Amino acid sequence: MNLKPIKTKKDYRQALSRLEVIFDAKKGSPQGDELEVLGILIDQYENEHFSIGFPDPIEAIKFRMEQLGYTQSDLARVVGLKSRASEILNKKRKLSLEMIRQLHDKLNIPSDVLIQTY
């Protein structure tokens, strides 16, 4: 086991190649331990260099509405008023803390996504 921090794209490619070789290693074996540590190193490198941010809060609401088959009227029942739902979907009204709570509870949208500015 010759593990080292992943600092460059070359290091990253080498780590991925090694991961493929030892992917089926038994847990608790020397290669299994190497696999576990290598996975952590690769994950850290990917989070630093390829991180994916949260989606736009309004796009997340629209996506979730589509998944649930919700209409603007259904959203109005969550946020209070039909006009308010329209303003939110058109980005003319910011989400209040209470709206964020309701959207999280009723549509199961993560609060972290909803609290972002847009």
PDB file of N, CA and C in Angstrom:
ATOM      1  N   MET A   1       0.858  -1.182   0.000  1.00  0.00           N
ATOM      2  CA  MET A   1       0.000   0.000   0.000  1.00  0.00           C
ATOM      3  C   MET A   1       0.900   1.239   0.000  1.00  0.00           C
ATOM      4  N   ASN A   2       0.785   2.000  -1.074  1.00  0.00           N
ATOM      5  CA  ASN A   2       1.596   3.209  -1.223  1.00  0.00           C
ATOM      6  C   ASN A   2       0.659   4.391  -1.437  1.00  0.00           C
ATOM      7  N   LEU A   3      -0.066   4.754  -0.389  1.00  0.00           N
ATOM      8  CA  LEU A   3      -1.040   5.838  -0.486  1.00  0.00           C
ATOM      9  C   LEU A   3      -0.393   7.179  -0.249  1.00  0.00           C
ATOM     10  N   LYS A   4      -0.888   8.176  -0.988  1.00  0.00           N
ATOM     11  CA  LYS A   4      -0.423   9.546  -0.822  1.00  0.00           C
ATOM     12  C   LYS A   4      -1.571  10.477  -1.167  1.00  0.00           C
ATOM     13  N   PRO A   5      -1.515  11.700  -0.712  1.00  0.00           N
ATOM     14  CA  PRO A   5      -2.590  12.650  -1.042  1.00  0.00           C
ATOM     15  C   PRO A   5      -2.724  12.813  -2.563  1.00  0.00           C
ATOM     16  N   ILE A   6      -3.941  13.062  -3.001  1.00  0.00           N
ATOM     17  CA  ILE A   6      -4.203  13.303  -4.419  1.00  0.00           C
ATOM     18  C   ILE A   6      -4.192  14.809  -4.624  1.00  0.00           C
ATOM     19  N   LYS A   7      -3.172  15.280  -5.355  1.00  0.00           N
ATOM     20  CA  LYS A   7      -2.999  16.724  -5.530  1.00  0.00           C
ATOM     21  C   LYS A   7      -3.175  17.183  -6.969  1.00  0.00           C
ATOM     22  N   THR A   8      -2.967  16.292  -7.925  1.00  0.00           N
ATOM     23  CA  THR A   8      -3.025  16.671  -9.340  1.00  0.00           C
ATOM     24  C   THR A   8      -3.987  15.755 -10.090  1.00  0.00           C
ATOM     25  N   LYS A   9      -4.288  16.154 -11.334  1.00  0.00           N
ATOM     26  CA  LYS A   9      -5.130  15.300 -12.178  1.00  0.00           C
ATOM     27  C   LYS A   9      -4.448  13.956 -12.424  1.00  0.00           C
ATOM     28  N   LYS A  10      -3.134  13.988 -12.562  1.00  0.00           N
ATOM     29  CA  LYS A  10      -2.382  12.752 -12.775  1.00  0.00           C
ATOM     30  C   LYS A  10      -2.528  11.833 -11.557  1.00  0.00           C
ATOM     31  N   ASP A  11      -2.377  12.392 -10.365  1.00  0.00           N
ATOM     32  CA  ASP A  11      -2.569  11.611  -9.133  1.00  0.00           C
ATOM     33  C   ASP A  11      -3.980  11.017  -9.097  1.00  0.00           C
ATOM     34  N   TYR A  12      -4.949  11.818  -9.502  1.00  0.00           N
ATOM     35  CA  TYR A  12      -6.356  11.399  -9.493  1.00  0.00           C
ATOM     36  C   TYR A  12      -6.567  10.230 -10.447  1.00  0.00           C
ATOM     37  N   ARG A  13      -6.035  10.349 -11.671  1.00  0.00           N
ATOM     38  CA  ARG A  13      -6.177   9.261 -12.646  1.00  0.00           C
ATOM     39  C   ARG A  13      -5.513   7.982 -12.131  1.00  0.00           C
ATOM     40  N   GLN A  14      -4.347   8.116 -11.516  1.00  0.00           N
ATOM     41  CA  GLN A  14      -3.655   6.946 -10.966  1.00  0.00           C
ATOM     42  C   GLN A  14      -4.475   6.306  -9.842  1.00  0.00           C
ATOM     43  N   ALA A  15      -5.065   7.144  -9.014  1.00  0.00           N
ATOM     44  CA  ALA A  15      -5.873   6.629  -7.910  1.00  0.00           C
ATOM     45  C   ALA A  15      -7.088   5.873  -8.443  1.00  0.00           C
ATOM     46  N   LEU A  16      -7.735   6.414  -9.477  1.00  0.00           N
ATOM     47  CA  LEU A  16      -8.878   5.737 -10.081  1.00  0.00           C
ATOM     48  C   LEU A  16      -8.470   4.401 -10.700  1.00  0.00           C
ATOM     49  N   SER A  17      -7.308   4.387 -11.349  1.00  0.00           N
ATOM     50  CA  SER A  17      -6.810   3.137 -11.941  1.00  0.00           C
ATOM     51  C   SER A  17      -6.572   2.097 -10.851  1.00  0.00           C
ATOM     52  N   ARG A  18      -5.950   2.504  -9.767  1.00  0.00           N
ATOM     53  CA  ARG A  18      -5.689   1.581  -8.662  1.00  0.00           C
ATOM     54  C   ARG A  18      -7.003   1.108  -8.035  1.00  0.00           C
ATOM     55  N   LEU A  19      -7.950   1.991  -7.930  1.00  0.00           N
ATOM     56  CA  LEU A  19      -9.252   1.646  -7.371  1.00  0.00           C
ATOM     57  C   LEU A  19      -9.901   0.518  -8.182  1.00  0.00           C
ATOM     58  N   GLU A  20      -9.809   0.613  -9.498  1.00  0.00           N
ATOM     59  CA  GLU A  20     -10.372  -0.432 -10.361  1.00  0.00           C
ATOM     60  C   GLU A  20      -9.716  -1.784 -10.082  1.00  0.00           C
ATOM     61  N   VAL A  21      -8.408  -1.784  -9.843  1.00  0.00           N
ATOM     62  CA  VAL A  21      -7.666  -3.025  -9.611  1.00  0.00           C
ATOM     63  C   VAL A  21      -8.105  -3.686  -8.306  1.00  0.00           C
ATOM     64  N   ILE A  22      -8.299  -2.907  -7.269  1.00  0.00           N
ATOM     65  CA  ILE A  22      -8.584  -3.473  -5.936  1.00  0.00           C
ATOM     66  C   ILE A  22     -10.054  -3.368  -5.543  1.00  0.00           C
ATOM     67  N   PHE A  23     -10.916  -3.037  -6.469  1.00  0.00           N
ATOM     68  CA  PHE A  23     -12.318  -2.759  -6.174  1.00  0.00           C
ATOM     69  C   PHE A  23     -13.030  -3.884  -5.433  1.00  0.00           C
ATOM     70  N   ASP A  24     -12.719  -5.118  -5.734  1.00  0.00           N
ATOM     71  CA  ASP A  24     -13.409  -6.255  -5.114  1.00  0.00           C
ATOM     72  C   ASP A  24     -12.653  -6.829  -3.914  1.00  0.00           C
ATOM     73  N   ALA A  25     -11.728  -6.075  -3.348  1.00  0.00           N
ATOM     74  CA  ALA A  25     -10.946  -6.561  -2.209  1.00  0.00           C
ATOM     75  C   ALA A  25     -11.845  -6.833  -1.003  1.00  0.00           C
ATOM     76  N   LYS A  26     -11.481  -7.842  -0.239  1.00  0.00           N
ATOM     77  CA  LYS A  26     -12.258  -8.200   0.953  1.00  0.00           C
ATOM     78  C   LYS A  26     -12.046  -7.171   2.050  1.00  0.00           C
ATOM     79  N   LYS A  27     -13.129  -6.819   2.706  1.00  0.00           N
ATOM     80  CA  LYS A  27     -13.079  -5.878   3.816  1.00  0.00           C
ATOM     81  C   LYS A  27     -12.193  -6.462   4.922  1.00  0.00           C
ATOM     82  N   GLY A  28     -11.325  -5.648   5.471  1.00  0.00           N
ATOM     83  CA  GLY A  28     -10.442  -6.075   6.551  1.00  0.00           C
ATOM     84  C   GLY A  28      -9.107  -6.606   6.070  1.00  0.00           C
ATOM     85  N   SER A  29      -8.993  -6.899   4.774  1.00  0.00           N
ATOM     86  CA  SER A  29      -7.715  -7.346   4.221  1.00  0.00           C
ATOM     87  C   SER A  29      -6.842  -6.119   3.953  1.00  0.00           C
ATOM     88  N   PRO A  30      -5.531  -6.304   3.739  1.00  0.00           N
ATOM     89  CA  PRO A  30      -4.681  -5.138   3.411  1.00  0.00           C
ATOM     90  C   PRO A  30      -5.201  -4.369   2.194  1.00  0.00           C
ATOM     91  N   GLN A  31      -5.626  -5.098   1.149  1.00  0.00           N
ATOM     92  CA  GLN A  31      -6.170  -4.400  -0.023  1.00  0.00           C
ATOM     93  C   GLN A  31      -7.525  -3.764   0.292  1.00  0.00           C
ATOM     94  N   GLY A  32      -8.306  -4.387   1.154  1.00  0.00           N
ATOM     95  CA  GLY A  32      -9.579  -3.810   1.575  1.00  0.00           C
ATOM     96  C   GLY A  32      -9.376  -2.504   2.316  1.00  0.00           C
ATOM     97  N   ASP A  33      -8.334  -2.471   3.179  1.00  0.00           N
ATOM     98  CA  ASP A  33      -8.007  -1.230   3.890  1.00  0.00           C
ATOM     99  C   ASP A  33      -7.538  -0.160   2.912  1.00  0.00           C
ATOM    100  N   GLU A  34      -6.722  -0.574   1.947  1.00  0.00           N
ATOM    101  CA  GLU A  34      -6.247   0.366   0.924  1.00  0.00           C
ATOM    102  C   GLU A  34      -7.433   0.922   0.137  1.00  0.00           C
ATOM    103  N   LEU A  35      -8.371   0.045  -0.213  1.00  0.00           N
ATOM    104  CA  LEU A  35      -9.566   0.465  -0.945  1.00  0.00           C
ATOM    105  C   LEU A  35     -10.343   1.518  -0.162  1.00  0.00           C
ATOM    106  N   GLU A  36     -10.512   1.296   1.122  1.00  0.00           N
ATOM    107  CA  GLU A  36     -11.252   2.226   1.965  1.00  0.00           C
ATOM    108  C   GLU A  36     -10.569   3.591   2.027  1.00  0.00           C
ATOM    109  N   VAL A  37      -9.261   3.598   2.260  1.00  0.00           N
ATOM    110  CA  VAL A  37      -8.522   4.869   2.355  1.00  0.00           C
ATOM    111  C   VAL A  37      -8.487   5.561   0.997  1.00  0.00           C
ATOM    112  N   LEU A  38      -8.268   4.789  -0.057  1.00  0.00           N
ATOM    113  CA  LEU A  38      -8.228   5.362  -1.399  1.00  0.00           C
ATOM    114  C   LEU A  38      -9.574   5.997  -1.758  1.00  0.00           C
ATOM    115  N   GLY A  39     -10.661   5.341  -1.366  1.00  0.00           N
ATOM    116  CA  GLY A  39     -11.991   5.905  -1.613  1.00  0.00           C
ATOM    117  C   GLY A  39     -12.167   7.251  -0.922  1.00  0.00           C
ATOM    118  N   ILE A  40     -11.664   7.365   0.290  1.00  0.00           N
ATOM    119  CA  ILE A  40     -11.754   8.630   1.033  1.00  0.00           C
ATOM    120  C   ILE A  40     -10.938   9.716   0.330  1.00  0.00           C
ATOM    121  N   LEU A  41      -9.734   9.361  -0.110  1.00  0.00           N
ATOM    122  CA  LEU A  41      -8.879  10.337  -0.800  1.00  0.00           C
ATOM    123  C   LEU A  41      -9.509  10.797  -2.115  1.00  0.00           C
ATOM    124  N   ILE A  42     -10.069   9.859  -2.865  1.00  0.00           N
ATOM    125  CA  ILE A  42     -10.713  10.205  -4.137  1.00  0.00           C
ATOM    126  C   ILE A  42     -11.928  11.095  -3.883  1.00  0.00           C
ATOM    127  N   ASP A  43     -12.723  10.742  -2.884  1.00  0.00           N
ATOM    128  CA  ASP A  43     -13.908  11.530  -2.546  1.00  0.00           C
ATOM    129  C   ASP A  43     -13.531  12.961  -2.173  1.00  0.00           C
ATOM    130  N   GLN A  44     -12.481  13.106  -1.387  1.00  0.00           N
ATOM    131  CA  GLN A  44     -12.037  14.438  -0.980  1.00  0.00           C
ATOM    132  C   GLN A  44     -11.583  15.244  -2.199  1.00  0.00           C
ATOM    133  N   TYR A  45     -10.816  14.632  -3.079  1.00  0.00           N
ATOM    134  CA  TYR A  45     -10.346  15.328  -4.274  1.00  0.00           C
ATOM    135  C   TYR A  45     -11.542  15.746  -5.149  1.00  0.00           C
ATOM    136  N   GLU A  46     -12.495  14.837  -5.337  1.00  0.00           N
ATOM    137  CA  GLU A  46     -13.659  15.151  -6.171  1.00  0.00           C
ATOM    138  C   GLU A  46     -14.500  16.257  -5.563  1.00  0.00           C
ATOM    139  N   ASN A  47     -14.666  16.250  -4.246  1.00  0.00           N
ATOM    140  CA  ASN A  47     -15.442  17.306  -3.599  1.00  0.00           C
ATOM    141  C   ASN A  47     -14.785  18.666  -3.755  1.00  0.00           C
ATOM    142  N   GLU A  48     -13.462  18.695  -3.758  1.00  0.00           N
ATOM    143  CA  GLU A  48     -12.743  19.968  -3.906  1.00  0.00           C
ATOM    144  C   GLU A  48     -12.722  20.453  -5.354  1.00  0.00           C
ATOM    145  N   HIS A  49     -12.640  19.536  -6.298  1.00  0.00           N
ATOM    146  CA  HIS A  49     -12.435  19.918  -7.689  1.00  0.00           C
ATOM    147  C   HIS A  49     -13.650  19.760  -8.590  1.00  0.00           C
ATOM    148  N   PHE A  50     -14.599  18.954  -8.194  1.00  0.00           N
ATOM    149  CA  PHE A  50     -15.768  18.708  -9.037  1.00  0.00           C
ATOM    150  C   PHE A  50     -17.062  18.890  -8.273  1.00  0.00           C
ATOM    151  N   SER A  51     -17.040  19.727  -7.256  1.00  0.00           N
ATOM    152  CA  SER A  51     -18.232  19.847  -6.424  1.00  0.00           C
ATOM    153  C   SER A  51     -19.409  20.390  -7.226  1.00  0.00           C
ATOM    154  N   ILE A  52     -20.557  19.874  -6.898  1.00  0.00           N
ATOM    155  CA  ILE A  52     -21.787  20.296  -7.550  1.00  0.00           C
ATOM    156  C   ILE A  52     -22.605  21.046  -6.512  1.00  0.00           C
ATOM    157  N   GLY A  53     -22.940  22.274  -6.825  1.00  0.00           N
ATOM    158  CA  GLY A  53     -23.705  23.081  -5.889  1.00  0.00           C
ATOM    159  C   GLY A  53     -25.171  22.680  -5.859  1.00  0.00           C
ATOM    160  N   PHE A  54     -25.899  23.302  -4.982  1.00  0.00           N
ATOM    161  CA  PHE A  54     -27.325  23.055  -4.882  1.00  0.00           C
ATOM    162  C   PHE A  54     -28.045  23.649  -6.087  1.00  0.00           C
ATOM    163  N   PRO A  55     -29.179  23.096  -6.456  1.00  0.00           N
ATOM    164  CA  PRO A  55     -29.962  23.681  -7.544  1.00  0.00           C
ATOM    165  C   PRO A  55     -30.599  24.991  -7.084  1.00  0.00           C
ATOM    166  N   ASP A  56     -31.013  25.778  -8.033  1.00  0.00           N
ATOM    167  CA  ASP A  56     -31.750  27.003  -7.754  1.00  0.00           C
ATOM    168  C   ASP A  56     -33.016  26.625  -6.968  1.00  0.00           C
ATOM    169  N   PRO A  57     -33.326  27.356  -5.886  1.00  0.00           N
ATOM    170  CA  PRO A  57     -34.483  26.998  -5.062  1.00  0.00           C
ATOM    171  C   PRO A  57     -35.803  26.923  -5.835  1.00  0.00           C
ATOM    172  N   ILE A  58     -36.024  27.866  -6.729  1.00  0.00           N
ATOM    173  CA  ILE A  58     -37.284  27.891  -7.472  1.00  0.00           C
ATOM    174  C   ILE A  58     -37.336  26.736  -8.472  1.00  0.00           C
ATOM    175  N   GLU A  59     -36.203  26.433  -9.090  1.00  0.00           N
ATOM    176  CA  GLU A  59     -36.161  25.295 -10.008  1.00  0.00           C
ATOM    177  C   GLU A  59     -36.393  23.998  -9.242  1.00  0.00           C
ATOM    178  N   ALA A  60     -35.896  23.923  -8.006  1.00  0.00           N
ATOM    179  CA  ALA A  60     -36.117  22.739  -7.169  1.00  0.00           C
ATOM    180  C   ALA A  60     -37.600  22.588  -6.835  1.00  0.00           C
ATOM    181  N   ILE A  61     -38.260  23.710  -6.567  1.00  0.00           N
ATOM    182  CA  ILE A  61     -39.705  23.681  -6.281  1.00  0.00           C
ATOM    183  C   ILE A  61     -40.461  23.205  -7.522  1.00  0.00           C
ATOM    184  N   LYS A  62     -40.124  23.774  -8.676  1.00  0.00           N
ATOM    185  CA  LYS A  62     -40.803  23.393  -9.919  1.00  0.00           C
ATOM    186  C   LYS A  62     -40.580  21.911 -10.228  1.00  0.00           C
ATOM    187  N   PHE A  63     -39.356  21.448 -10.027  1.00  0.00           N
ATOM    188  CA  PHE A  63     -39.034  20.047 -10.286  1.00  0.00           C
ATOM    189  C   PHE A  63     -39.842  19.131  -9.377  1.00  0.00           C
ATOM    190  N   ARG A  64     -39.899  19.490  -8.097  1.00  0.00           N
ATOM    191  CA  ARG A  64     -40.632  18.664  -7.138  1.00  0.00           C
ATOM    192  C   ARG A  64     -42.133  18.690  -7.440  1.00  0.00           C
ATOM    193  N   MET A  65     -42.638  19.850  -7.831  1.00  0.00           N
ATOM    194  CA  MET A  65     -44.051  19.951  -8.207  1.00  0.00           C
ATOM    195  C   MET A  65     -44.347  19.019  -9.384  1.00  0.00           C
ATOM    196  N   GLU A  66     -43.451  19.019 -10.367  1.00  0.00           N
ATOM    197  CA  GLU A  66     -43.628  18.148 -11.525  1.00  0.00           C
ATOM    198  C   GLU A  66     -43.617  16.678 -11.105  1.00  0.00           C
ATOM    199  N   GLN A  67     -42.692  16.319 -10.214  1.00  0.00           N
ATOM    200  CA  GLN A  67     -42.613  14.941  -9.735  1.00  0.00           C
ATOM    201  C   GLN A  67     -43.914  14.513  -9.049  1.00  0.00           C
ATOM    202  N   LEU A  68     -44.494  15.426  -8.279  1.00  0.00           N
ATOM    203  CA  LEU A  68     -45.698  15.113  -7.509  1.00  0.00           C
ATOM    204  C   LEU A  68     -46.989  15.342  -8.284  1.00  0.00           C
ATOM    205  N   GLY A  69     -46.864  15.917  -9.488  1.00  0.00           N
ATOM    206  CA  GLY A  69     -48.056  16.236 -10.265  1.00  0.00           C
ATOM    207  C   GLY A  69     -48.816  17.420  -9.692  1.00  0.00           C
ATOM    208  N   TYR A  70     -48.104  18.320  -8.999  1.00  0.00           N
ATOM    209  CA  TYR A  70     -48.734  19.483  -8.377  1.00  0.00           C
ATOM    210  C   TYR A  70     -48.950  20.594  -9.391  1.00  0.00           C
ATOM    211  N   THR A  71     -50.034  21.323  -9.188  1.00  0.00           N
ATOM    212  CA  THR A  71     -50.319  22.519  -9.977  1.00  0.00           C
ATOM    213  C   THR A  71     -49.958  23.738  -9.122  1.00  0.00           C
ATOM    214  N   GLN A  72     -50.118  24.906  -9.717  1.00  0.00           N
ATOM    215  CA  GLN A  72     -49.869  26.138  -8.965  1.00  0.00           C
ATOM    216  C   GLN A  72     -50.874  26.251  -7.814  1.00  0.00           C
ATOM    217  N   SER A  73     -52.074  25.749  -8.009  1.00  0.00           N
ATOM    218  CA  SER A  73     -53.079  25.760  -6.931  1.00  0.00           C
ATOM    219  C   SER A  73     -52.639  24.890  -5.764  1.00  0.00           C
ATOM    220  N   ASP A  74     -52.017  23.742  -6.066  1.00  0.00           N
ATOM    221  CA  ASP A  74     -51.508  22.867  -5.006  1.00  0.00           C
ATOM    222  C   ASP A  74     -50.397  23.583  -4.232  1.00  0.00           C
ATOM    223  N   LEU A  75     -49.540  24.283  -4.966  1.00  0.00           N
ATOM    224  CA  LEU A  75     -48.468  25.036  -4.302  1.00  0.00           C
ATOM    225  C   LEU A  75     -49.057  26.147  -3.443  1.00  0.00           C
ATOM    226  N   ALA A  76     -50.128  26.774  -3.915  1.00  0.00           N
ATOM    227  CA  ALA A  76     -50.780  27.846  -3.157  1.00  0.00           C
ATOM    228  C   ALA A  76     -51.258  27.342  -1.799  1.00  0.00           C
ATOM    229  N   ARG A  77     -51.730  26.091  -1.751  1.00  0.00           N
ATOM    230  CA  ARG A  77     -52.171  25.528  -0.472  1.00  0.00           C
ATOM    231  C   ARG A  77     -50.994  25.349   0.485  1.00  0.00           C
ATOM    232  N   VAL A  78     -49.791  25.208  -0.050  1.00  0.00           N
ATOM    233  CA  VAL A  78     -48.594  25.052   0.791  1.00  0.00           C
ATOM    234  C   VAL A  78     -48.098  26.415   1.276  1.00  0.00           C
ATOM    235  N   VAL A  79     -48.059  27.411   0.381  1.00  0.00           N
ATOM    236  CA  VAL A  79     -47.478  28.710   0.725  1.00  0.00           C
ATOM    237  C   VAL A  79     -48.511  29.767   1.117  1.00  0.00           C
ATOM    238  N   GLY A  80     -49.787  29.465   1.001  1.00  0.00           N
ATOM    239  CA  GLY A  80     -50.793  30.404   1.487  1.00  0.00           C
ATOM    240  C   GLY A  80     -51.765  30.924   0.461  1.00  0.00           C
ATOM    241  N   LEU A  81     -51.296  31.569  -0.577  1.00  0.00           N
ATOM    242  CA  LEU A  81     -52.184  32.203  -1.556  1.00  0.00           C
ATOM    243  C   LEU A  81     -51.750  31.862  -2.975  1.00  0.00           C
ATOM    244  N   LYS A  82     -52.725  31.847  -3.899  1.00  0.00           N
ATOM    245  CA  LYS A  82     -52.400  31.562  -5.300  1.00  0.00           C
ATOM    246  C   LYS A  82     -51.493  32.654  -5.876  1.00  0.00           C
ATOM    247  N   SER A  83     -51.764  33.899  -5.524  1.00  0.00           N
ATOM    248  CA  SER A  83     -50.931  34.991  -6.037  1.00  0.00           C
ATOM    249  C   SER A  83     -49.500  34.867  -5.500  1.00  0.00           C
ATOM    250  N   ARG A  84     -49.374  34.428  -4.265  1.00  0.00           N
ATOM    251  CA  ARG A  84     -48.051  34.234  -3.662  1.00  0.00           C
ATOM    252  C   ARG A  84     -47.297  33.117  -4.387  1.00  0.00           C
ATOM    253  N   ALA A  85     -48.001  32.037  -4.707  1.00  0.00           N
ATOM    254  CA  ALA A  85     -47.386  30.925  -5.435  1.00  0.00           C
ATOM    255  C   ALA A  85     -46.885  31.401  -6.794  1.00  0.00           C
ATOM    256  N   SER A  86     -47.683  32.195  -7.470  1.00  0.00           N
ATOM    257  CA  SER A  86     -47.296  32.738  -8.770  1.00  0.00           C
ATOM    258  C   SER A  86     -46.057  33.621  -8.650  1.00  0.00           C
ATOM    259  N   GLU A  87     -46.052  34.498  -7.652  1.00  0.00           N
ATOM    260  CA  GLU A  87     -44.902  35.389  -7.442  1.00  0.00           C
ATOM    261  C   GLU A  87     -43.637  34.593  -7.135  1.00  0.00           C
ATOM    262  N   ILE A  88     -43.762  33.525  -6.364  1.00  0.00           N
ATOM    263  CA  ILE A  88     -42.603  32.687  -6.040  1.00  0.00           C
ATOM    264  C   ILE A  88     -42.070  32.021  -7.295  1.00  0.00           C
ATOM    265  N   LEU A  89     -42.965  31.396  -8.064  1.00  0.00           N
ATOM    266  CA  LEU A  89     -42.539  30.679  -9.265  1.00  0.00           C
ATOM    267  C   LEU A  89     -41.939  31.600 -10.312  1.00  0.00           C
ATOM    268  N   ASN A  90     -42.342  32.869 -10.297  1.00  0.00           N
ATOM    269  CA  ASN A  90     -41.797  33.846 -11.238  1.00  0.00           C
ATOM    270  C   ASN A  90     -40.648  34.654 -10.644  1.00  0.00           C
ATOM    271  N   LYS A  91     -40.185  34.232  -9.468  1.00  0.00           N
ATOM    272  CA  LYS A  91     -39.052  34.852  -8.763  1.00  0.00           C
ATOM    273  C   LYS A  91     -39.289  36.326  -8.450  1.00  0.00           C
ATOM    274  N   LYS A  92     -40.541  36.670  -8.177  1.00  0.00           N
ATOM    275  CA  LYS A  92     -40.865  38.043  -7.805  1.00  0.00           C
ATOM    276  C   LYS A  92     -41.055  38.179  -6.305  1.00  0.00           C
ATOM    277  N   ARG A  93     -41.053  37.061  -5.604  1.00  0.00           N
ATOM    278  CA  ARG A  93     -41.202  37.072  -4.154  1.00  0.00           C
ATOM    279  C   ARG A  93     -40.175  36.123  -3.563  1.00  0.00           C
ATOM    280  N   LYS A  94     -39.483  36.598  -2.536  1.00  0.00           N
ATOM    281  CA  LYS A  94     -38.525  35.754  -1.816  1.00  0.00           C
ATOM    282  C   LYS A  94     -39.283  34.810  -0.899  1.00  0.00           C
ATOM    283  N   LEU A  95     -38.669  33.669  -0.639  1.00  0.00           N
ATOM    284  CA  LEU A  95     -39.270  32.709   0.279  1.00  0.00           C
ATOM    285  C   LEU A  95     -39.073  33.183   1.717  1.00  0.00           C
ATOM    286  N   SER A  96     -40.129  33.171   2.487  1.00  0.00           N
ATOM    287  CA  SER A  96     -40.023  33.505   3.910  1.00  0.00           C
ATOM    288  C   SER A  96     -39.608  32.250   4.661  1.00  0.00           C
ATOM    289  N   LEU A  97     -39.206  32.426   5.893  1.00  0.00           N
ATOM    290  CA  LEU A  97     -38.817  31.285   6.717  1.00  0.00           C
ATOM    291  C   LEU A  97     -39.985  30.308   6.859  1.00  0.00           C
ATOM    292  N   GLU A  98     -41.180  30.825   7.041  1.00  0.00           N
ATOM    293  CA  GLU A  98     -42.349  29.951   7.171  1.00  0.00           C
ATOM    294  C   GLU A  98     -42.627  29.190   5.875  1.00  0.00           C
ATOM    295  N   MET A  99     -42.458  29.852   4.732  1.00  0.00           N
ATOM    296  CA  MET A  99     -42.649  29.166   3.446  1.00  0.00           C
ATOM    297  C   MET A  99     -41.618  28.055   3.282  1.00  0.00           C
ATOM    298  N   ILE A 100     -40.382  28.344   3.656  1.00  0.00           N
ATOM    299  CA  ILE A 100     -39.315  27.340   3.564  1.00  0.00           C
ATOM    300  C   ILE A 100     -39.674  26.133   4.423  1.00  0.00           C
ATOM    301  N   ARG A 101     -40.177  26.386   5.623  1.00  0.00           N
ATOM    302  CA  ARG A 101     -40.582  25.278   6.504  1.00  0.00           C
ATOM    303  C   ARG A 101     -41.696  24.458   5.866  1.00  0.00           C
ATOM    304  N   GLN A 102     -42.692  25.141   5.311  1.00  0.00           N
ATOM    305  CA  GLN A 102     -43.826  24.448   4.697  1.00  0.00           C
ATOM    306  C   GLN A 102     -43.392  23.637   3.475  1.00  0.00           C
ATOM    307  N   LEU A 103     -42.537  24.237   2.637  1.00  0.00           N
ATOM    308  CA  LEU A 103     -42.057  23.536   1.443  1.00  0.00           C
ATOM    309  C   LEU A 103     -41.222  22.320   1.828  1.00  0.00           C
ATOM    310  N   HIS A 104     -40.436  22.485   2.872  1.00  0.00           N
ATOM    311  CA  HIS A 104     -39.631  21.360   3.363  1.00  0.00           C
ATOM    312  C   HIS A 104     -40.540  20.251   3.895  1.00  0.00           C
ATOM    313  N   ASP A 105     -41.498  20.618   4.725  1.00  0.00           N
ATOM    314  CA  ASP A 105     -42.378  19.622   5.344  1.00  0.00           C
ATOM    315  C   ASP A 105     -43.321  18.952   4.342  1.00  0.00           C
ATOM    316  N   LYS A 106     -43.934  19.750   3.473  1.00  0.00           N
ATOM    317  CA  LYS A 106     -44.983  19.214   2.605  1.00  0.00           C
ATOM    318  C   LYS A 106     -44.455  18.663   1.272  1.00  0.00           C
ATOM    319  N   LEU A 107     -43.374  19.255   0.745  1.00  0.00           N
ATOM    320  CA  LEU A 107     -42.827  18.793  -0.533  1.00  0.00           C
ATOM    321  C   LEU A 107     -41.521  18.020  -0.355  1.00  0.00           C
ATOM    322  N   ASN A 108     -41.036  17.986   0.872  1.00  0.00           N
ATOM    323  CA  ASN A 108     -39.801  17.258   1.183  1.00  0.00           C
ATOM    324  C   ASN A 108     -38.602  17.779   0.384  1.00  0.00           C
ATOM    325  N   ILE A 109     -38.514  19.097   0.253  1.00  0.00           N
ATOM    326  CA  ILE A 109     -37.366  19.728  -0.405  1.00  0.00           C
ATOM    327  C   ILE A 109     -36.392  20.102   0.704  1.00  0.00           C
ATOM    328  N   PRO A 110     -35.113  19.733   0.583  1.00  0.00           N
ATOM    329  CA  PRO A 110     -34.155  20.052   1.645  1.00  0.00           C
ATOM    330  C   PRO A 110     -34.092  21.556   1.930  1.00  0.00           C
ATOM    331  N   SER A 111     -34.078  21.899   3.194  1.00  0.00           N
ATOM    332  CA  SER A 111     -34.002  23.315   3.601  1.00  0.00           C
ATOM    333  C   SER A 111     -32.765  23.991   3.042  1.00  0.00           C
ATOM    334  N   ASP A 112     -31.649  23.239   2.959  1.00  0.00           N
ATOM    335  CA  ASP A 112     -30.399  23.813   2.440  1.00  0.00           C
ATOM    336  C   ASP A 112     -30.583  24.347   1.026  1.00  0.00           C
ATOM    337  N   VAL A 113     -31.411  23.683   0.242  1.00  0.00           N
ATOM    338  CA  VAL A 113     -31.677  24.128  -1.127  1.00  0.00           C
ATOM    339  C   VAL A 113     -32.539  25.390  -1.090  1.00  0.00           C
ATOM    340  N   LEU A 114     -33.538  25.407  -0.235  1.00  0.00           N
ATOM    341  CA  LEU A 114     -34.512  26.497  -0.213  1.00  0.00           C
ATOM    342  C   LEU A 114     -33.977  27.809   0.351  1.00  0.00           C
ATOM    343  N   ILE A 115     -32.980  27.753   1.231  1.00  0.00           N
ATOM    344  CA  ILE A 115     -32.516  28.986   1.874  1.00  0.00           C
ATOM    345  C   ILE A 115     -31.539  29.775   1.023  1.00  0.00           C
ATOM    346  N   GLN A 116     -31.130  29.242  -0.107  1.00  0.00           N
ATOM    347  CA  GLN A 116     -30.198  29.972  -0.973  1.00  0.00           C
ATOM    348  C   GLN A 116     -30.865  31.209  -1.552  1.00  0.00           C
ATOM    349  N   THR A 117     -30.055  32.182  -1.890  1.00  0.00           N
ATOM    350  CA  THR A 117     -30.592  33.360  -2.561  1.00  0.00           C
ATOM    351  C   THR A 117     -30.708  33.067  -4.054  1.00  0.00           C
ATOM    352  N   TYR A 118     -31.615  33.754  -4.686  1.00  0.00           N
ATOM    353  CA  TYR A 118     -31.818  33.570  -6.142  1.00  0.00           C
ATOM    354  C   TYR A 118     -32.106  34.885  -6.775  1.00  0.00           C
TER     355      TYR A 118
END
